[in-house]
C-alpha atoms as a PDB file:
ATOM      1  CA  MET A   1      78.200 157.599 117.666  1.00  0.00           C
ATOM      2  CA  THR A   2      76.775 154.339 116.315  1.00  0.00           C
ATOM      3  CA  THR A   3      77.453 152.382 113.186  1.00  0.00           C
ATOM      4  CA  ALA A   4      74.805 151.869 110.502  1.00  0.00           C
ATOM      5  CA  PRO A   5      72.051 149.508 111.643  1.00  0.00           C
ATOM      6  CA  ASP A   6      72.164 145.846 110.759  1.00  0.00           C
ATOM      7  CA  ILE A   7      68.809 145.730 108.987  1.00  0.00           C
ATOM      8  CA  THR A   8      69.165 142.039 108.181  1.00  0.00           C
ATOM      9  CA  ALA A   9      69.388 140.919 111.794  1.00  0.00           C
ATOM     10  CA  PRO A  10      66.245 139.034 112.859  1.00  0.00           C
ATOM     11  CA  ASP A  11      64.535 139.978 116.091  1.00  0.00           C
ATOM     12  CA  ILE A  12      64.479 136.632 117.852  1.00  0.00           C
ATOM     13  CA  THR A  13      62.857 138.131 120.969  1.00  0.00           C
ATOM     14  CA  ALA A  14      59.690 139.232 119.139  1.00  0.00           C
ATOM     15  CA  PRO A  15      56.804 136.914 120.034  1.00  0.00           C
ATOM     16  CA  ASP A  16      54.569 135.268 117.482  1.00  0.00           C
ATOM     17  CA  ILE A  17      51.222 136.852 118.388  1.00  0.00           C
ATOM     18  CA  THR A  18      47.740 136.383 117.030  1.00  0.00           C
ATOM     19  CA  GLU A  19      45.829 139.186 118.667  1.00  0.00           C
ATOM     20  CA  THR A  20      42.499 140.886 118.875  1.00  0.00           C
ATOM     21  CA  VAL A  21      43.135 144.562 118.278  1.00  0.00           C
ATOM     22  CA  GLU A  22      41.652 146.843 120.921  1.00  0.00           C
ATOM     23  CA  ASP A  23      40.619 150.217 119.524  1.00  0.00           C
ATOM     24  CA  ILE A  24      39.919 153.213 121.782  1.00  0.00           C
ATOM     25  CA  GLY A  25      37.717 154.793 119.109  1.00  0.00           C
ATOM     26  CA  TYR A  26      39.954 157.740 118.248  1.00  0.00           C
ATOM     27  CA  GLY A  27      39.400 157.208 114.541  1.00  0.00           C
ATOM     28  CA  ARG A  28      35.630 157.134 114.932  1.00  0.00           C
ATOM     29  CA  GLU A  29      35.864 160.514 116.651  1.00  0.00           C
ATOM     30  CA  PHE A  30      38.378 162.267 114.398  1.00  0.00           C
ATOM     31  CA  ALA A  31      39.014 160.478 111.097  1.00  0.00           C
ATOM     32  CA  ASP A  32      36.549 162.609 109.137  1.00  0.00           C
ATOM     33  CA  PHE A  33      38.390 165.845 109.958  1.00  0.00           C
ATOM     34  CA  TYR A  34      41.788 164.707 111.270  1.00  0.00           C
ATOM     35  CA  ASP A  35      43.579 165.969 108.163  1.00  0.00           C
ATOM     36  CA  ARG A  36      42.034 169.391 108.718  1.00  0.00           C
ATOM     37  CA  LEU A  37      43.217 169.490 112.340  1.00  0.00           C
ATOM     38  CA  PHE A  38      46.698 168.259 111.397  1.00  0.00           C
ATOM     39  CA  PRO A  39      47.272 169.294 107.776  1.00  0.00           C
ATOM     40  CA  ARG A  40      50.174 168.211 105.616  1.00  0.00           C
ATOM     41  CA  ASP A  41      51.736 171.638 106.013  1.00  0.00           C
ATOM     42  CA  ALA A  42      55.128 173.201 106.664  1.00  0.00           C
ATOM     43  CA  GLN A  43      55.218 171.805 110.210  1.00  0.00           C
ATOM     44  CA  ALA A  44      54.570 168.292 108.922  1.00  0.00           C
ATOM     45  CA  ASP A  45      57.280 168.803 106.292  1.00  0.00           C
ATOM     46  CA  LEU A  46      59.685 169.872 109.032  1.00  0.00           C
ATOM     47  CA  ALA A  47      58.948 166.723 111.051  1.00  0.00           C
ATOM     48  CA  VAL A  48      59.482 164.575 107.981  1.00  0.00           C
ATOM     49  CA  ARG A  49      62.797 166.256 107.167  1.00  0.00           C
ATOM     50  CA  ARG A  50      64.035 165.783 110.724  1.00  0.00           C
ATOM     51  CA  LEU A  51      63.022 162.113 110.821  1.00  0.00           C
ATOM     52  CA  ALA A  52      64.730 161.584 107.466  1.00  0.00           C
ATOM     53  CA  GLU A  53      67.915 163.137 108.873  1.00  0.00           C
ATOM     54  CA  TRP A  54      67.784 160.831 111.889  1.00  0.00           C
ATOM     55  CA  HIS A  55      67.006 157.750 109.807  1.00  0.00           C
ATOM     56  CA  PRO A  56      70.179 155.610 109.672  1.00  0.00           C
ATOM     57  CA  GLY A  57      68.953 153.445 106.790  1.00  0.00           C
ATOM     58  CA  GLY A  58      66.714 150.474 106.151  1.00  0.00           C
ATOM     59  CA  ARG A  59      62.958 150.293 106.589  1.00  0.00           C
ATOM     60  CA  ALA A  60      61.005 152.514 108.978  1.00  0.00           C
ATOM     61  CA  LEU A  61      58.146 151.666 111.356  1.00  0.00           C
ATOM     62  CA  GLU A  62      55.522 154.121 112.624  1.00  0.00           C
ATOM     63  CA  LEU A  63      53.546 153.204 115.735  1.00  0.00           C
ATOM     64  CA  GLY A  64      50.208 155.005 115.455  1.00  0.00           C
ATOM     65  CA  VAL A  65      50.375 155.849 111.748  1.00  0.00           C
ATOM     66  CA  GLY A  66      46.964 157.514 111.520  1.00  0.00           C
ATOM     67  CA  THR A  67      46.143 158.892 108.072  1.00  0.00           C
ATOM     68  CA  GLY A  68      49.783 158.882 106.959  1.00  0.00           C
ATOM     69  CA  ARG A  69      50.523 162.577 107.493  1.00  0.00           C
ATOM     70  CA  ILE A  70      54.124 161.660 108.330  1.00  0.00           C
ATOM     71  CA  ALA A  71      54.516 158.152 106.900  1.00  0.00           C
ATOM     72  CA  VAL A  72      53.551 158.968 103.305  1.00  0.00           C
ATOM     73  CA  PRO A  73      55.993 161.853 102.707  1.00  0.00           C
ATOM     74  CA  LEU A  74      58.707 160.097 104.737  1.00  0.00           C
ATOM     75  CA  ALA A  75      58.379 156.981 102.578  1.00  0.00           C
ATOM     76  CA  ARG A  76      58.804 159.073  99.456  1.00  0.00           C
ATOM     77  CA  ARG A  77      62.066 160.406 100.909  1.00  0.00           C
ATOM     78  CA  THR A  78      63.601 157.335 102.562  1.00  0.00           C
ATOM     79  CA  GLY A  79      61.821 154.232 101.266  1.00  0.00           C
ATOM     80  CA  ASP A  80      59.575 151.608 102.831  1.00  0.00           C
ATOM     81  CA  VAL A  81      57.522 152.515 105.911  1.00  0.00           C
ATOM     82  CA  VAL A  82      55.300 150.088 107.824  1.00  0.00           C
ATOM     83  CA  GLY A  83      52.499 151.887 109.680  1.00  0.00           C
ATOM     84  CA  VAL A  84      50.630 150.240 112.571  1.00  0.00           C
ATOM     85  CA  ASP A  85      47.343 151.594 113.913  1.00  0.00           C
ATOM     86  CA  SER A  86      44.386 150.208 115.857  1.00  0.00           C
ATOM     87  CA  SER A  87      41.815 152.389 114.063  1.00  0.00           C
ATOM     88  CA  PRO A  88      40.155 150.939 110.933  1.00  0.00           C
ATOM     89  CA  GLU A  89      38.839 154.409 110.078  1.00  0.00           C
ATOM     90  CA  MET A  90      42.285 155.999 110.105  1.00  0.00           C
ATOM     91  CA  LEU A  91      43.746 153.125 108.105  1.00  0.00           C
ATOM     92  CA  ASP A  92      41.063 153.563 105.437  1.00  0.00           C
ATOM     93  CA  ARG A  93      42.212 157.147 104.952  1.00  0.00           C
ATOM     94  CA  LEU A  94      45.829 156.055 104.992  1.00  0.00           C
ATOM     95  CA  ARG A  95      45.177 153.624 102.129  1.00  0.00           C
ATOM     96  CA  ALA A  96      43.629 156.437 100.105  1.00  0.00           C
ATOM     97  CA  ALA A  97      46.679 158.628 100.770  1.00  0.00           C
ATOM     98  CA  ILE A  98      49.028 155.805  99.753  1.00  0.00           C
ATOM     99  CA  ASP A  99      47.146 155.315  96.493  1.00  0.00           C
ATOM    100  CA  ALA A 100      47.151 159.040  95.729  1.00  0.00           C
ATOM    101  CA  ALA A 101      50.879 159.448  96.401  1.00  0.00           C
ATOM    102  CA  ALA A 102      52.055 156.029  95.154  1.00  0.00           C
ATOM    103  CA  ALA A 103      54.104 155.873  98.374  1.00  0.00           C
ATOM    104  CA  PRO A 104      55.789 152.665  99.639  1.00  0.00           C
ATOM    105  CA  VAL A 105      53.794 152.483 102.893  1.00  0.00           C
ATOM    106  CA  THR A 106      52.338 149.251 104.270  1.00  0.00           C
ATOM    107  CA  PRO A 107      49.292 149.788 106.526  1.00  0.00           C
ATOM    108  CA  VAL A 108      48.843 147.297 109.378  1.00  0.00           C
ATOM    109  CA  HIS A 109      45.870 146.925 111.728  1.00  0.00           C
ATOM    110  CA  GLY A 110      47.530 146.215 115.042  1.00  0.00           C
ATOM    111  CA  ASP A 111      47.984 147.085 118.715  1.00  0.00           C
ATOM    112  CA  ILE A 112      51.189 149.037 119.314  1.00  0.00           C
ATOM    113  CA  ARG A 113      51.487 147.492 122.802  1.00  0.00           C
ATOM    114  CA  SER A 114      52.000 143.981 121.474  1.00  0.00           C
ATOM    115  CA  TRP A 115      52.420 144.000 117.685  1.00  0.00           C
ATOM    116  CA  ALA A 116      55.372 142.108 116.232  1.00  0.00           C
ATOM    117  CA  ASP A 117      56.551 141.083 112.786  1.00  0.00           C
ATOM    118  CA  GLY A 118      60.087 139.880 113.548  1.00  0.00           C
ATOM    119  CA  THR A 119      61.662 142.567 111.335  1.00  0.00           C
ATOM    120  CA  ALA A 120      64.546 144.838 112.340  1.00  0.00           C
ATOM    121  CA  TYR A 121      63.961 148.481 111.380  1.00  0.00           C
ATOM    122  CA  GLY A 122      66.465 151.298 111.085  1.00  0.00           C
ATOM    123  CA  LEU A 123      63.947 153.880 112.331  1.00  0.00           C
ATOM    124  CA  VAL A 124      60.949 153.449 114.624  1.00  0.00           C
ATOM    125  CA  TYR A 125      58.910 156.500 115.546  1.00  0.00           C
ATOM    126  CA  CYS A 126      55.818 157.269 117.630  1.00  0.00           C
ATOM    127  CA  VAL A 127      54.725 160.894 117.204  1.00  0.00           C
ATOM    128  CA  CYS A 128      51.798 163.305 117.544  1.00  0.00           C
ATOM    129  CA  ALA A 129      51.197 162.229 121.183  1.00  0.00           C
ATOM    130  CA  THR A 130      50.321 158.647 120.231  1.00  0.00           C
ATOM    131  CA  LEU A 131      52.190 157.320 123.278  1.00  0.00           C
ATOM    132  CA  SER A 132      50.010 159.493 125.529  1.00  0.00           C
ATOM    133  CA  MET A 133      46.864 157.881 124.122  1.00  0.00           C
ATOM    134  CA  LEU A 134      47.879 154.879 126.235  1.00  0.00           C
ATOM    135  CA  LEU A 135      46.457 155.720 129.655  1.00  0.00           C
ATOM    136  CA  ASP A 136      48.409 153.276 131.824  1.00  0.00           C
ATOM    137  CA  PRO A 137      52.188 153.466 132.337  1.00  0.00           C
ATOM    138  CA  VAL A 138      52.272 149.681 131.901  1.00  0.00           C
ATOM    139  CA  ASP A 139      50.866 150.067 128.398  1.00  0.00           C
ATOM    140  CA  GLN A 140      53.215 152.928 127.560  1.00  0.00           C
ATOM    141  CA  ARG A 141      56.156 150.823 128.707  1.00  0.00           C
ATOM    142  CA  ALA A 142      54.927 147.947 126.549  1.00  0.00           C
ATOM    143  CA  ALA A 143      54.740 150.177 123.442  1.00  0.00           C
ATOM    144  CA  ILE A 144      58.326 151.359 123.936  1.00  0.00           C
ATOM    145  CA  ALA A 145      59.401 147.745 124.429  1.00  0.00           C
ATOM    146  CA  VAL A 146      57.740 146.866 121.104  1.00  0.00           C
ATOM    147  CA  ALA A 147      59.639 149.713 119.456  1.00  0.00           C
ATOM    148  CA  ALA A 148      62.940 148.562 120.965  1.00  0.00           C
ATOM    149  CA  ARG A 149      62.434 144.946 119.887  1.00  0.00           C
ATOM    150  CA  HIS A 150      61.956 146.116 116.310  1.00  0.00           C
ATOM    151  CA  LEU A 151      65.082 148.297 116.223  1.00  0.00           C
ATOM    152  CA  ALA A 152      68.156 147.029 114.428  1.00  0.00           C
ATOM    153  CA  PRO A 153      71.450 147.552 116.273  1.00  0.00           C
ATOM    154  CA  GLY A 154      72.377 151.169 115.684  1.00  0.00           C
ATOM    155  CA  GLY A 155      68.756 152.000 114.872  1.00  0.00           C
ATOM    156  CA  THR A 156      66.862 155.085 116.057  1.00  0.00           C
ATOM    157  CA  LEU A 157      63.656 155.494 118.078  1.00  0.00           C
ATOM    158  CA  VAL A 158      61.898 158.887 118.114  1.00  0.00           C
ATOM    159  CA  VAL A 159      59.019 159.719 120.488  1.00  0.00           C
ATOM    160  CA  GLU A 160      57.054 162.986 120.396  1.00  0.00           C
ATOM    161  CA  THR A 161      54.301 163.953 122.819  1.00  0.00           C
ATOM    162  CA  HIS A 162      52.913 166.992 124.638  1.00  0.00           C
ATOM    163  CA  ASN A 163      54.651 168.420 127.672  1.00  0.00           C
ATOM    164  CA  PRO A 164      52.650 168.139 130.924  1.00  0.00           C
ATOM    165  CA  ALA A 165      53.982 171.434 132.301  1.00  0.00           C
ATOM    166  CA  PHE A 166      52.730 173.300 129.246  1.00  0.00           C
ATOM    167  CA  VAL A 167      49.244 171.798 129.536  1.00  0.00           C
ATOM    168  CA  HIS A 168      49.094 172.709 133.227  1.00  0.00           C
ATOM    169  CA  ALA A 169      50.189 176.261 132.405  1.00  0.00           C
ATOM    170  CA  LEU A 170      47.292 176.610 129.965  1.00  0.00           C
ATOM    171  CA  HIS A 171      44.936 175.839 132.849  1.00  0.00           C
ATOM    172  CA  GLU A 172      46.466 178.464 135.172  1.00  0.00           C
ATOM    173  CA  GLY A 173      45.657 176.404 138.263  1.00  0.00           C
ATOM    174  CA  ARG A 174      42.109 175.555 137.181  1.00  0.00           C
ATOM    175  CA  ALA A 175      40.725 172.080 136.514  1.00  0.00           C
ATOM    176  CA  ARG A 176      38.973 173.315 133.335  1.00  0.00           C
ATOM    177  CA  ALA A 177      40.027 175.675 130.583  1.00  0.00           C
ATOM    178  CA  THR A 178      38.827 176.704 127.133  1.00  0.00           C
ATOM    179  CA  TRP A 179      40.719 178.168 124.201  1.00  0.00           C
ATOM    180  CA  PHE A 180      40.318 178.844 120.499  1.00  0.00           C
ATOM    181  CA  ALA A 181      43.022 178.391 117.860  1.00  0.00           C
ATOM    182  CA  PRO A 182      42.306 180.129 114.522  1.00  0.00           C
ATOM    183  CA  TYR A 183      43.509 178.383 111.349  1.00  0.00           C
ATOM    184  CA  PRO A 184      44.765 180.198 108.226  1.00  0.00           C
ATOM    185  CA  GLU A 185      41.633 179.674 106.117  1.00  0.00           C
ATOM    186  CA  PRO A 186      38.845 182.208 106.711  1.00  0.00           C
ATOM    187  CA  GLY A 187      36.152 180.967 109.055  1.00  0.00           C
ATOM    188  CA  THR A 188      38.135 177.975 110.354  1.00  0.00           C
ATOM    189  CA  GLY A 189      39.470 177.231 113.804  1.00  0.00           C
ATOM    190  CA  LEU A 190      39.604 174.792 116.689  1.00  0.00           C
ATOM    191  CA  GLN A 191      37.824 175.398 119.978  1.00  0.00           C
ATOM    192  CA  THR A 192      38.946 173.169 122.851  1.00  0.00           C
ATOM    193  CA  TYR A 193      37.269 172.416 126.182  1.00  0.00           C
ATOM    194  CA  SER A 194      40.010 170.976 128.383  1.00  0.00           C
ATOM    195  CA  THR A 195      39.753 169.175 131.721  1.00  0.00           C
ATOM    196  CA  LEU A 196      42.539 167.926 133.969  1.00  0.00           C
ATOM    197  CA  LEU A 197      41.189 164.900 135.786  1.00  0.00           C
ATOM    198  CA  PRO A 198      41.970 164.624 139.515  1.00  0.00           C
ATOM    199  CA  SER A 199      43.911 161.349 139.390  1.00  0.00           C
ATOM    200  CA  GLY A 200      46.143 159.390 137.062  1.00  0.00           C
ATOM    201  CA  GLY A 201      47.548 162.417 135.259  1.00  0.00           C
ATOM    202  CA  LEU A 202      44.761 162.169 132.684  1.00  0.00           C
ATOM    203  CA  TRP A 203      43.750 164.976 130.342  1.00  0.00           C
ATOM    204  CA  HIS A 204      40.346 165.096 128.655  1.00  0.00           C
ATOM    205  CA  ALA A 205      39.840 167.401 125.687  1.00  0.00           C
ATOM    206  CA  SER A 206      36.733 167.960 123.598  1.00  0.00           C
ATOM    207  CA  HIS A 207      37.442 169.705 120.293  1.00  0.00           C
ATOM    208  CA  LEU A 208      34.986 171.657 118.135  1.00  0.00           C
ATOM    209  CA  TRP A 209      36.219 172.129 114.574  1.00  0.00           C
ATOM    210  CA  HIS A 210      34.647 175.190 112.937  1.00  0.00           C
ATOM    211  CA  GLU A 211      34.695 175.392 109.153  1.00  0.00           C
ATOM    212  CA  ALA A 212      32.423 177.066 106.606  1.00  0.00           C
ATOM    213  CA  GLY A 213      29.629 177.524 109.114  1.00  0.00           C
ATOM    214  CA  THR A 214      29.692 173.892 110.278  1.00  0.00           C
ATOM    215  CA  VAL A 215      30.965 172.359 113.514  1.00  0.00           C
ATOM    216  CA  ARG A 216      32.375 168.869 114.013  1.00  0.00           C
ATOM    217  CA  VAL A 217      33.115 167.474 117.458  1.00  0.00           C
ATOM    218  CA  GLY A 218      35.638 164.960 118.749  1.00  0.00           C
ATOM    219  CA  SER A 219      36.817 164.056 122.249  1.00  0.00           C
ATOM    220  CA  GLU A 220      40.015 162.422 123.409  1.00  0.00           C
ATOM    221  CA  LEU A 221      41.541 161.223 126.660  1.00  0.00           C
ATOM    222  CA  SER A 222      45.297 161.109 127.086  1.00  0.00           C
ATOM    223  CA  ARG A 223      47.870 160.672 129.817  1.00  0.00           C
ATOM    224  CA  LEU A 224      50.248 163.539 130.544  1.00  0.00           C
ATOM    225  CA  THR A 225      53.602 161.829 130.068  1.00  0.00           C
ATOM    226  CA  THR A 226      56.862 163.372 131.256  1.00  0.00           C
ATOM    227  CA  PRO A 227      60.221 163.168 129.475  1.00  0.00           C
ATOM    228  CA  ASP A 228      61.640 161.307 132.489  1.00  0.00           C
ATOM    229  CA  GLU A 229      59.001 158.625 132.092  1.00  0.00           C
ATOM    230  CA  VAL A 230      59.826 158.134 128.419  1.00  0.00           C
ATOM    231  CA  ASP A 231      63.520 157.960 129.327  1.00  0.00           C
ATOM    232  CA  ALA A 232      62.784 155.282 131.921  1.00  0.00           C
ATOM    233  CA  TYR A 233      60.758 153.177 129.464  1.00  0.00           C
ATOM    234  CA  ALA A 234      63.556 153.433 126.908  1.00  0.00           C
ATOM    235  CA  ALA A 235      66.259 152.518 129.429  1.00  0.00           C
ATOM    236  CA  GLU A 236      64.287 149.474 130.569  1.00  0.00           C
ATOM    237  CA  ALA A 237      64.097 148.415 126.919  1.00  0.00           C
ATOM    238  CA  GLY A 238      67.883 148.685 126.539  1.00  0.00           C
ATOM    239  CA  LEU A 239      67.970 151.933 124.565  1.00  0.00           C
ATOM    240  CA  VAL A 240      70.397 154.827 124.971  1.00  0.00           C
ATOM    241  CA  PRO A 241      69.304 158.506 124.880  1.00  0.00           C
ATOM    242  CA  VAL A 242      70.717 160.604 122.047  1.00  0.00           C
ATOM    243  CA  SER A 243      68.936 163.987 122.120  1.00  0.00           C
ATOM    244  CA  ARG A 244      65.840 165.859 123.196  1.00  0.00           C
ATOM    245  CA  HIS A 245      64.259 168.847 121.452  1.00  0.00           C
ATOM    246  CA  GLY A 246      61.312 171.138 122.032  1.00  0.00           C
ATOM    247  CA  ASP A 247      60.159 171.139 118.411  1.00  0.00           C
ATOM    248  CA  TRP A 248      60.980 169.687 115.001  1.00  0.00           C
ATOM    249  CA  ALA A 249      63.134 172.732 114.147  1.00  0.00           C
ATOM    250  CA  GLY A 250      65.658 171.510 116.700  1.00  0.00           C
ATOM    251  CA  THR A 251      64.961 174.081 119.411  1.00  0.00           C
ATOM    252  CA  ALA A 252      66.411 173.063 122.761  1.00  0.00           C
ATOM    253  CA  TYR A 253      63.898 171.380 125.051  1.00  0.00           C
ATOM    254  CA  ALA A 254      62.419 173.644 127.737  1.00  0.00           C
ATOM    255  CA  ASP A 255      60.516 172.442 130.798  1.00  0.00           C
ATOM    256  CA  ASP A 256      57.628 174.781 129.950  1.00  0.00           C
ATOM    257  CA  GLY A 257      57.571 174.153 126.190  1.00  0.00           C
ATOM    258  CA  PRO A 258      54.616 172.537 124.422  1.00  0.00           C
ATOM    259  CA  LEU A 259      56.411 169.364 123.263  1.00  0.00           C
ATOM    260  CA  HIS A 260      59.186 166.970 124.036  1.00  0.00           C
ATOM    261  CA  ILE A 261      60.786 165.059 121.169  1.00  0.00           C
ATOM    262  CA  SER A 262      63.154 162.359 122.397  1.00  0.00           C
ATOM    263  CA  ARG A 263      65.592 160.310 120.346  1.00  0.00           C
ATOM    264  CA  TYR A 264      67.172 157.006 121.399  1.00  0.00           C
ATOM    265  CA  THR A 265      69.347 154.360 119.816  1.00  0.00           C
ATOM    266  CA  ARG A 266      69.765 150.640 120.197  1.00  0.00           C
ATOM    267  CA  PRO A 267      73.463 150.094 120.863  1.00  0.00           C
ATOM    268  CA  THR A 268      75.521 148.029 118.487  1.00  0.00           C
ATOM    269  CA  GLU A 269      77.033 144.903 119.994  1.00  0.00           C
ATOM    270  CA  ASP A 270      80.410 146.580 120.505  1.00  0.00           C
ATOM    271  CA  ALA A 271      79.038 149.818 121.941  1.00  0.00           C
ATOM    272  CA  PRO A 272      78.713 150.495 125.689  1.00  0.00           C
ATOM    273  CA  HIS A 273      75.173 150.053 127.050  1.00  0.00           C
ATOM    274  CA  ASP A 274      74.970 153.289 129.043  1.00  0.00           C
ATOM    275  CA  HIS A 275      71.353 153.777 130.192  1.00  0.00           C
ATOM    276  CA  SER A 276      72.011 156.883 132.280  1.00  0.00           C
END
């Protein structure tokens, strides 16, 4: 158990960076229909409630904020959220969501591998497979290090991404697979053409969104990232594991489940630094 985070403590290790933000183009592919693919529904509400429960106090930081599906309702529950994203298109939609909800969210155009503002946050989270959008383990490690540097002592980091074993099971031993996921509204659904690339643990998916007789297309490339890898990044950054779940309802993690949601804490000065 940890004490409440010291949200006033400055992060003296955070570098003063003036950076050019590299954008992989995810927003250009998906921003126009992202909120249809990932609606602000009961599942989003569940994620927000769980993050609010795990939030020990102070400000929150989201790495890969997107359109604010999580940040906006979380801010209305817990207070200020800073949201960092490399996509100008996603941030434009986030600003519209902030205005509509009058939520205390600050959008920031930045690179989650190197961004710094010198602030200590009670909660830092990186969800919806954002970490897996970084295709090199070096970059993934850097993003977790950024998260750790911004955590106040006693603060919480939460990382959610897809489970490699589940993706491989969908392919049933094949390099390519196709599936269709119907959505609740009549005539809507998501058709996915999925390819497991032969090296680097990379996963390419092209998505066709069907709605009202129209089709919109977006493609993404991600890295299948194991729970052990996330644990190793966190340990290197000085964080201690707290829990792992298979979904936002709190279901126990299973090796063949679709997700892994991992929670870590930055030890307080008087707590043991057990990285096992």
